[in-house]
């Protein structure tokens, strides 16, 4: 018997789930002593009327905190320039609370802003030299800027994670900031705000949630508590993602996908985030501007095909999560069967096995190089495997 594994479990966010729970936002800010609230979101959510479904609650409840303004300039990725600009906006308007309404890019941007505000910084680049910063306790101090996050996609789970992924426009790479207090104080998971998400975006973000759970499960630092979240998240995605894609107004499916997203990121982050799939997805996203959910959705099953031995140590957990036939006991066969179920899921939700971007041999070689030098790289994947993966994921030009 070896020494039992040490792990630490931190969960700094109060998570509330259910249709209509967005109506609690004013009360939660009142409980945190906030008066002047700034909203971070994107233009599309304003035009779709999603933001009004939340901010209208602040006019109904008189005498409470008020919305001072709305910052709607967030783009596809959380950009460093955008984070710095939004930080300046918060300070100029003397806001004391942050209401975040959006998907992963909006939430990651907000976490960067929160870090700037809490550390008296004006430039997020200084926090991530070489595009990476690990600020675990005791170096990561409370930021003391109350926030309520309301996700509008079921994928990243960013509302509760200690990671902010930001795009460095100057160097054209994605940077990672890890800090124990950048997540929301309160997360409101309201499925009513996700019903307008188009089928393809529902599919891509759902596969991101699945990728988090699989990467968390296969991490060598996964623990018994994180594995419980990983396994349950995978089961929920397999069951409810097709329903959410094909029947977007099904609130039960939307709610279960929000829960799966939340659990998937916690299983991922509490399992130490040894994540070769995310390393590859970050590099591809930065190089080709492919949305993160789409990149993860393609890369994880490709890794299971070309690098199956990486998943052998977690075969027992994969077998349970993917309900693999109990007659299949050989680890490599379990990995193959789990991957086959992912392929069938992707086919069901209309998600192809290749990116729409075409590349020639040099383009694929450039992607391999980008993967090997990406700031998020944690393990060396053999170059021939990366080459085969790129040939599989990118059709020839």
Protein backbone atom coordinates (compact mmCIF):
# COMPACT_ATOMS: atom_id res chain seq x y z
CA UNK A 1 0.00 0.00 0.00
CA UNK A 2 1.42 3.40 -1.00
CA UNK A 3 1.00 6.72 0.72
CA UNK A 4 -2.54 8.08 0.21
CA UNK A 5 -2.67 10.91 -2.31
CA UNK A 6 -2.82 14.45 -0.94
CA UNK A 7 -5.28 16.86 -2.52
CA UNK A 8 -6.99 20.10 -1.60
CA UNK A 9 -10.63 20.94 -2.31
CA UNK A 10 -11.66 24.56 -2.73
CA UNK A 11 -15.05 25.81 -3.86
CA UNK A 12 -15.47 29.55 -3.36
CA UNK A 13 -18.73 30.01 -5.27
CA UNK A 14 -22.31 29.69 -4.12
CA UNK A 15 -24.12 27.99 -7.01
CA UNK A 16 -27.87 28.38 -7.40
CA UNK A 17 -29.70 26.36 -10.06
CA UNK A 18 -33.16 26.55 -11.54
CA UNK A 19 -35.50 28.33 -13.92
CA UNK A 20 -35.88 31.95 -12.94
CA UNK A 21 -33.03 32.01 -10.43
CA UNK A 22 -31.66 35.08 -12.25
CA UNK A 23 -34.26 37.07 -10.32
CA UNK A 24 -32.11 36.62 -7.20
CA UNK A 25 -29.28 38.75 -8.62
CA UNK A 26 -30.32 42.08 -6.98
CA UNK A 27 -30.77 40.41 -3.62
CA UNK A 28 -27.38 38.71 -3.80
CA UNK A 29 -25.67 42.05 -4.51
CA UNK A 30 -27.59 43.61 -1.64
CA UNK A 31 -26.36 40.83 0.67
CA UNK A 32 -22.78 41.60 -0.42
CA UNK A 33 -23.22 45.31 0.30
CA UNK A 34 -23.09 46.51 -3.33
CA UNK A 35 -24.80 49.67 -4.59
CA UNK A 36 -23.40 50.41 -8.06
CA UNK A 37 -23.37 47.46 -10.44
CA UNK A 38 -21.51 47.20 -13.74
CA UNK A 39 -22.61 44.61 -16.29
CA UNK A 40 -20.13 42.74 -18.49
CA UNK A 41 -21.60 41.01 -21.54
CA UNK A 42 -21.46 41.00 -25.34
CA UNK A 43 -23.44 42.81 -28.02
CA UNK A 44 -25.16 39.64 -29.27
CA UNK A 45 -26.73 38.93 -25.89
CA UNK A 46 -28.04 42.47 -25.68
CA UNK A 47 -29.57 42.24 -29.14
CA UNK A 48 -31.13 38.86 -28.27
CA UNK A 49 -32.81 40.40 -25.22
CA UNK A 50 -31.01 38.06 -22.81
CA UNK A 51 -29.36 40.85 -20.81
CA UNK A 52 -32.69 42.62 -20.29
CA UNK A 53 -34.09 39.46 -18.73
CA UNK A 54 -31.60 39.97 -15.92
CA UNK A 55 -31.20 43.72 -15.64
CA UNK A 56 -34.97 44.31 -15.60
CA UNK A 57 -34.95 42.70 -12.16
CA UNK A 58 -33.03 45.69 -10.81
CA UNK A 59 -35.76 48.16 -11.78
CA UNK A 60 -38.51 46.02 -10.26
CA UNK A 61 -36.86 45.93 -6.83
CA UNK A 62 -36.67 49.56 -5.72
CA UNK A 63 -34.25 50.74 -3.08
CA UNK A 64 -31.66 48.10 -3.89
CA UNK A 65 -28.48 48.10 -5.96
CA UNK A 66 -28.72 49.77 -9.37
CA UNK A 67 -27.20 49.08 -12.78
CA UNK A 68 -24.78 51.93 -13.53
CA UNK A 69 -23.79 50.79 -17.01
CA UNK A 70 -23.27 47.92 -19.43
CA UNK A 71 -19.93 46.99 -21.03
CA UNK A 72 -20.76 45.04 -24.21
CA UNK A 73 -17.49 45.05 -26.16
CA UNK A 74 -16.40 41.46 -25.38
CA UNK A 75 -15.36 39.55 -28.51
CA UNK A 76 -14.99 35.85 -29.37
CA UNK A 77 -12.09 35.44 -26.97
CA UNK A 78 -11.26 37.27 -23.77
CA UNK A 79 -8.64 39.72 -25.05
CA UNK A 80 -6.07 41.47 -22.89
CA UNK A 81 -6.84 44.85 -24.46
CA UNK A 82 -10.53 44.35 -23.77
CA UNK A 83 -9.86 43.39 -20.16
CA UNK A 84 -7.76 46.50 -19.58
CA UNK A 85 -10.35 48.72 -21.25
CA UNK A 86 -13.17 47.25 -19.16
CA UNK A 87 -11.10 47.69 -15.99
CA UNK A 88 -10.72 51.38 -16.78
CA UNK A 89 -14.47 51.64 -17.37
CA UNK A 90 -15.24 50.10 -13.96
CA UNK A 91 -12.93 52.52 -12.17
CA UNK A 92 -14.17 55.59 -14.03
CA UNK A 93 -17.74 54.76 -13.01
CA UNK A 94 -16.91 53.92 -9.37
CA UNK A 95 -18.70 50.58 -9.47
CA UNK A 96 -18.60 48.24 -6.48
CA UNK A 97 -20.22 45.10 -7.94
CA UNK A 98 -19.85 43.07 -11.15
CA UNK A 99 -22.74 41.34 -12.93
CA UNK A 100 -21.47 38.99 -15.63
CA UNK A 101 -23.88 37.67 -18.26
CA UNK A 102 -22.45 35.50 -21.03
CA UNK A 103 -20.44 32.52 -22.13
CA UNK A 104 -16.82 31.59 -21.60
CA UNK A 105 -15.24 34.62 -23.27
CA UNK A 106 -17.39 37.04 -21.29
CA UNK A 107 -16.70 35.24 -18.01
CA UNK A 108 -12.95 34.93 -18.63
CA UNK A 109 -12.84 38.65 -19.48
CA UNK A 110 -14.67 39.44 -16.26
CA UNK A 111 -12.22 37.36 -14.25
CA UNK A 112 -9.35 39.33 -15.75
CA UNK A 113 -11.11 42.59 -14.86
CA UNK A 114 -11.77 41.32 -11.35
CA UNK A 115 -8.09 40.50 -10.96
CA UNK A 116 -7.08 43.97 -12.12
CA UNK A 117 -9.54 45.66 -9.78
CA UNK A 118 -8.57 43.52 -6.81
CA UNK A 119 -4.83 44.01 -7.27
CA UNK A 120 -4.90 47.70 -8.28
CA UNK A 121 -3.51 46.74 -11.68
CA UNK A 122 -4.15 48.50 -14.98
CA UNK A 123 -2.53 45.98 -17.35
CA UNK A 124 -3.40 42.28 -17.19
CA UNK A 125 -0.26 41.46 -19.20
CA UNK A 126 1.87 42.20 -16.16
CA UNK A 127 0.05 39.46 -14.26
CA UNK A 128 0.96 36.76 -16.79
CA UNK A 129 4.63 37.07 -17.74
CA UNK A 130 5.39 34.53 -20.46
CA UNK A 131 1.61 34.14 -20.77
CA UNK A 132 1.17 32.05 -17.67
CA UNK A 133 0.73 32.69 -13.96
CA UNK A 134 -0.05 30.29 -11.10
CA UNK A 135 -1.15 32.28 -8.06
CA UNK A 136 -2.24 29.62 -5.61
CA UNK A 137 -2.73 30.47 -1.96
CA UNK A 138 -1.06 32.13 -0.07
CA UNK A 139 0.13 34.20 -3.07
CA UNK A 140 -3.37 34.55 -4.43
CA UNK A 141 -5.18 36.88 -2.03
CA UNK A 142 -8.93 37.65 -1.87
CA UNK A 143 -9.78 40.24 -4.52
CA UNK A 144 -12.63 41.83 -2.56
CA UNK A 145 -14.74 42.75 -5.58
CA UNK A 146 -18.18 41.08 -5.35
CA UNK A 147 -19.49 39.41 -8.48
CA UNK A 148 -22.48 37.46 -9.72
CA UNK A 149 -21.95 35.35 -12.84
CA UNK A 150 -24.86 34.13 -14.96
CA UNK A 151 -23.68 31.77 -17.73
CA UNK A 152 -25.60 31.75 -21.01
CA UNK A 153 -23.85 28.68 -22.42
CA UNK A 154 -23.33 25.21 -20.95
CA UNK A 155 -19.71 24.49 -21.71
CA UNK A 156 -16.85 26.26 -20.02
CA UNK A 157 -18.14 26.30 -16.44
CA UNK A 158 -15.99 29.41 -16.12
CA UNK A 159 -18.29 30.84 -13.46
CA UNK A 160 -16.68 28.62 -10.81
CA UNK A 161 -13.19 27.87 -12.14
CA UNK A 162 -9.96 29.39 -10.89
CA UNK A 163 -8.64 29.81 -14.44
CA UNK A 164 -8.97 32.75 -16.82
CA UNK A 165 -7.90 32.09 -20.41
CA UNK A 166 -7.04 35.31 -22.27
CA UNK A 167 -5.87 36.06 -25.78
CA UNK A 168 -2.65 38.03 -26.02
CA UNK A 169 -3.17 40.02 -29.22
CA UNK A 170 0.44 41.16 -29.38
CA UNK A 171 1.95 37.67 -29.27
CA UNK A 172 -1.06 35.82 -30.76
CA UNK A 173 -1.17 33.18 -28.05
CA UNK A 174 -3.58 32.32 -25.27
CA UNK A 175 -2.46 33.02 -21.71
CA UNK A 176 -3.59 31.31 -18.51
CA UNK A 177 -4.10 33.08 -15.19
CA UNK A 178 -4.81 30.78 -12.24
CA UNK A 179 -5.96 32.48 -9.05
CA UNK A 180 -8.09 31.11 -6.18
CA UNK A 181 -10.46 34.10 -6.01
CA UNK A 182 -11.16 35.20 -9.59
CA UNK A 183 -14.35 33.16 -9.92
CA UNK A 184 -17.83 34.37 -9.00
CA UNK A 185 -18.97 34.76 -5.43
CA UNK A 186 -22.43 33.74 -6.66
CA UNK A 187 -23.28 31.79 -9.84
CA UNK A 188 -26.90 31.67 -11.00
CA UNK A 189 -27.51 28.78 -13.41
CA UNK A 190 -30.80 29.68 -15.09
CA UNK A 191 -31.71 27.44 -18.05
CA UNK A 192 -34.17 30.01 -19.38
CA UNK A 193 -31.22 32.15 -20.48
CA UNK A 194 -29.75 29.35 -22.62
CA UNK A 195 -32.80 28.38 -24.70
CA UNK A 196 -31.95 30.85 -27.48
CA UNK A 197 -28.50 29.33 -28.02
CA UNK A 198 -28.41 27.95 -31.60
CA UNK A 199 -28.02 24.18 -32.09
CA UNK A 200 -24.44 24.32 -33.36
CA UNK A 201 -23.28 26.50 -30.45
CA UNK A 202 -25.16 24.24 -28.05
CA UNK A 203 -23.26 21.29 -29.52
CA UNK A 204 -19.84 22.95 -29.44
CA UNK A 205 -20.14 24.25 -25.88
CA UNK A 206 -21.55 20.92 -24.71
CA UNK A 207 -18.55 19.10 -26.16
CA UNK A 208 -16.32 21.55 -24.28
CA UNK A 209 -17.99 20.43 -21.05
CA UNK A 210 -17.45 16.80 -22.05
CA UNK A 211 -13.80 17.57 -22.81
CA UNK A 212 -13.29 19.10 -19.36
CA UNK A 213 -14.65 15.99 -17.68
CA UNK A 214 -12.58 13.60 -19.77
CA UNK A 215 -9.41 15.64 -19.29
CA UNK A 216 -10.09 15.87 -15.57
CA UNK A 217 -10.65 12.12 -15.43
CA UNK A 218 -7.41 11.32 -17.27
CA UNK A 219 -5.22 13.69 -15.25
CA UNK A 220 -2.61 11.89 -13.17
CA UNK A 221 -3.55 14.18 -10.27
CA UNK A 222 -7.26 13.34 -10.31
CA UNK A 223 -8.66 12.37 -6.92
CA UNK A 224 -11.64 10.46 -5.64
CA UNK A 225 -13.79 13.60 -5.27
CA UNK A 226 -12.94 15.09 -8.66
CA UNK A 227 -13.62 11.75 -10.34
CA UNK A 228 -17.15 11.71 -8.94
CA UNK A 229 -17.82 15.02 -10.70
CA UNK A 230 -16.13 13.89 -13.91
CA UNK A 231 -18.13 10.69 -14.12
CA UNK A 232 -21.48 12.36 -13.45
CA UNK A 233 -20.75 15.21 -15.89
CA UNK A 234 -19.99 12.74 -18.71
CA UNK A 235 -23.20 10.81 -18.07
CA UNK A 236 -25.24 14.02 -18.14
CA UNK A 237 -23.68 15.23 -21.39
CA UNK A 238 -24.24 11.91 -23.14
CA UNK A 239 -27.91 11.91 -22.11
CA UNK A 240 -28.92 15.56 -22.35
CA UNK A 241 -26.75 17.21 -25.00
CA UNK A 242 -28.63 15.60 -27.92
CA UNK A 243 -31.92 16.72 -26.39
CA UNK A 244 -30.67 20.28 -25.90
CA UNK A 245 -29.40 20.40 -29.49
CA UNK A 246 -32.56 19.03 -31.08
CA UNK A 247 -35.07 20.67 -28.70
CA UNK A 248 -33.49 23.90 -27.51
CA UNK A 249 -36.50 24.91 -25.42
CA UNK A 250 -36.34 21.79 -23.27
CA UNK A 251 -35.58 23.35 -19.89
CA UNK A 252 -34.73 20.06 -18.20
CA UNK A 253 -32.02 19.33 -20.78
CA UNK A 254 -30.75 22.91 -20.58
CA UNK A 255 -30.59 22.74 -16.79
CA UNK A 256 -28.79 19.41 -16.76
CA UNK A 257 -26.26 20.71 -19.28
CA UNK A 258 -25.56 23.76 -17.09
CA UNK A 259 -25.00 21.37 -14.18
CA UNK A 260 -22.75 19.16 -16.31
CA UNK A 261 -20.73 22.18 -17.39
CA UNK A 262 -20.31 23.30 -13.79
CA UNK A 263 -19.32 19.85 -12.56
CA UNK A 264 -17.06 19.22 -15.54
CA UNK A 265 -14.90 22.27 -14.91
CA UNK A 266 -14.64 21.49 -11.21
CA UNK A 267 -13.62 17.91 -11.91
CA UNK A 268 -11.10 19.36 -14.35
CA UNK A 269 -9.66 22.07 -12.12
CA UNK A 270 -9.67 19.95 -8.94
CA UNK A 271 -7.79 17.27 -10.86
CA UNK A 272 -4.81 19.58 -11.39
CA UNK A 273 -5.65 20.36 -15.02
CA UNK A 274 -3.12 18.08 -16.70
CA UNK A 275 -4.84 18.56 -20.02
CA UNK A 276 -3.11 17.76 -23.32
CA UNK A 277 -6.37 18.27 -25.22
CA UNK A 278 -6.73 21.80 -23.92
CA UNK A 279 -3.09 22.51 -24.67
CA UNK A 280 -3.75 21.56 -28.30
CA UNK A 281 -7.09 23.40 -28.42
CA UNK A 282 -5.54 26.59 -27.02
CA UNK A 283 -2.80 26.52 -29.65
CA UNK A 284 -5.24 25.85 -32.49
CA UNK A 285 -7.60 28.54 -31.24
CA UNK A 286 -4.87 31.14 -30.96
CA UNK A 287 -3.32 30.29 -34.32
CA UNK A 288 -6.48 29.91 -36.40
CA UNK A 289 -9.05 31.78 -34.26
CA UNK A 290 -11.20 28.66 -33.95
CA UNK A 291 -13.70 28.91 -31.05
CA UNK A 292 -12.55 27.04 -27.96
CA UNK A 293 -15.54 24.72 -27.66
CA UNK A 294 -15.18 23.63 -31.27
CA UNK A 295 -11.46 23.02 -30.82
CA UNK A 296 -11.89 20.91 -27.68
CA UNK A 297 -14.75 18.99 -29.28
CA UNK A 298 -12.52 17.91 -32.15
CA UNK A 299 -9.26 17.38 -30.30
CA UNK A 300 -10.24 15.14 -27.37
CA UNK A 301 -11.65 12.24 -29.44
CA UNK A 302 -8.71 12.64 -31.84
CA UNK A 303 -6.30 12.25 -28.93
CA UNK A 304 -8.18 9.16 -27.77
CA UNK A 305 -7.61 7.70 -31.24
CA UNK A 306 -3.96 8.62 -31.78
CA UNK A 307 -2.74 8.69 -28.17
CA UNK A 308 -4.92 6.03 -26.47
CA UNK A 309 -2.25 4.89 -24.03
CA UNK A 310 -2.56 8.23 -22.22
CA UNK A 311 -6.09 7.23 -21.18
CA UNK A 312 -5.28 3.67 -20.09
CA UNK A 313 -4.75 4.58 -16.39
CA UNK A 314 -8.31 5.93 -16.15
CA UNK A 315 -9.94 3.13 -18.16
CA UNK A 316 -11.95 1.96 -15.14
CA UNK A 317 -13.52 5.40 -14.75
CA UNK A 318 -14.12 5.73 -18.50
CA UNK A 319 -15.88 2.37 -18.50
CA UNK A 320 -18.31 3.54 -15.83
CA UNK A 321 -18.88 7.06 -17.22
CA UNK A 322 -19.54 5.82 -20.76
CA UNK A 323 -21.45 2.69 -19.67
CA UNK A 324 -19.05 0.43 -21.55
CA UNK A 325 -20.18 -3.19 -21.82
CA UNK A 326 -18.84 -4.98 -18.73
CA UNK A 327 -17.58 -7.79 -20.94
CA UNK A 328 -14.96 -5.36 -22.28
CA UNK A 329 -12.15 -5.35 -19.72
CA UNK A 330 -8.96 -4.66 -21.69
CA UNK A 331 -8.04 -0.97 -21.05
CA UNK A 332 -7.22 -0.08 -24.67
CA UNK A 333 -10.53 -1.56 -25.78
CA UNK A 334 -12.35 0.46 -23.13
CA UNK A 335 -10.72 3.66 -24.43
CA UNK A 336 -11.72 2.74 -27.98
CA UNK A 337 -15.31 2.03 -26.96
CA UNK A 338 -15.57 5.29 -25.00
CA UNK A 339 -14.28 7.18 -28.03
CA UNK A 340 -16.77 5.42 -30.28
CA UNK A 341 -19.58 6.65 -28.06
CA UNK A 342 -18.24 10.20 -28.41
CA UNK A 343 -18.14 9.79 -32.20
CA UNK A 344 -21.76 8.61 -32.18
CA UNK A 345 -22.72 11.57 -29.99
CA UNK A 346 -21.01 13.99 -32.37
CA UNK A 347 -22.79 12.45 -35.32
CA UNK A 348 -26.13 12.73 -33.49
CA UNK A 349 -25.66 16.45 -32.82
CA UNK A 350 -24.36 17.26 -36.30
CA UNK A 351 -20.76 17.89 -35.29
CA UNK A 352 -18.21 16.69 -37.84
CA UNK A 353 -14.89 15.04 -37.12
CA UNK A 354 -12.85 17.70 -38.95
CA UNK A 355 -12.39 21.45 -38.73
CA UNK A 356 -13.72 23.55 -41.59
CA UNK A 357 -10.24 25.06 -42.00
CA UNK A 358 -8.09 23.43 -44.69
CA UNK A 359 -4.30 23.23 -44.29
CA UNK A 360 -1.40 22.11 -46.44
CA UNK A 361 1.55 20.16 -45.03
CA UNK A 362 3.36 23.34 -43.98
CA UNK A 363 0.25 24.64 -42.27
CA UNK A 364 -0.08 21.44 -40.28
CA UNK A 365 3.61 21.58 -39.35
CA UNK A 366 3.06 25.12 -38.10
CA UNK A 367 0.20 23.93 -35.91
CA UNK A 368 2.37 21.17 -34.45
CA UNK A 369 5.02 23.77 -33.60
CA UNK A 370 2.40 26.04 -32.03
CA UNK A 371 1.17 23.16 -29.86
CA UNK A 372 4.69 22.33 -28.70
CA UNK A 373 5.43 25.94 -27.73
CA UNK A 374 2.01 26.93 -26.34
CA UNK A 375 2.18 28.45 -22.82
CA UNK A 376 -0.30 25.86 -21.52
CA UNK A 377 1.82 22.84 -22.51
CA UNK A 378 2.34 20.50 -19.56
CA UNK A 379 3.48 17.28 -21.16
CA UNK A 380 5.38 16.30 -24.28
CA UNK A 381 3.22 14.50 -26.81
CA UNK A 382 5.29 12.68 -29.43
CA UNK A 383 5.58 14.76 -32.60
CA UNK A 384 4.41 11.93 -34.85
CA UNK A 385 1.19 11.71 -32.83
CA UNK A 386 0.61 15.46 -33.14
CA UNK A 387 1.28 15.22 -36.86
CA UNK A 388 -1.22 12.37 -37.29
CA UNK A 389 -3.78 14.27 -35.21
CA UNK A 390 -3.45 17.38 -37.36
CA UNK A 391 -3.77 15.35 -40.57
CA UNK A 392 -6.95 13.85 -39.19
CA UNK A 393 -8.53 17.08 -37.91
CA UNK A 394 -7.61 19.41 -40.78
CA UNK A 395 -8.65 18.48 -44.32
CA UNK A 396 -6.02 18.97 -47.01
CA UNK A 397 -5.91 22.26 -48.85
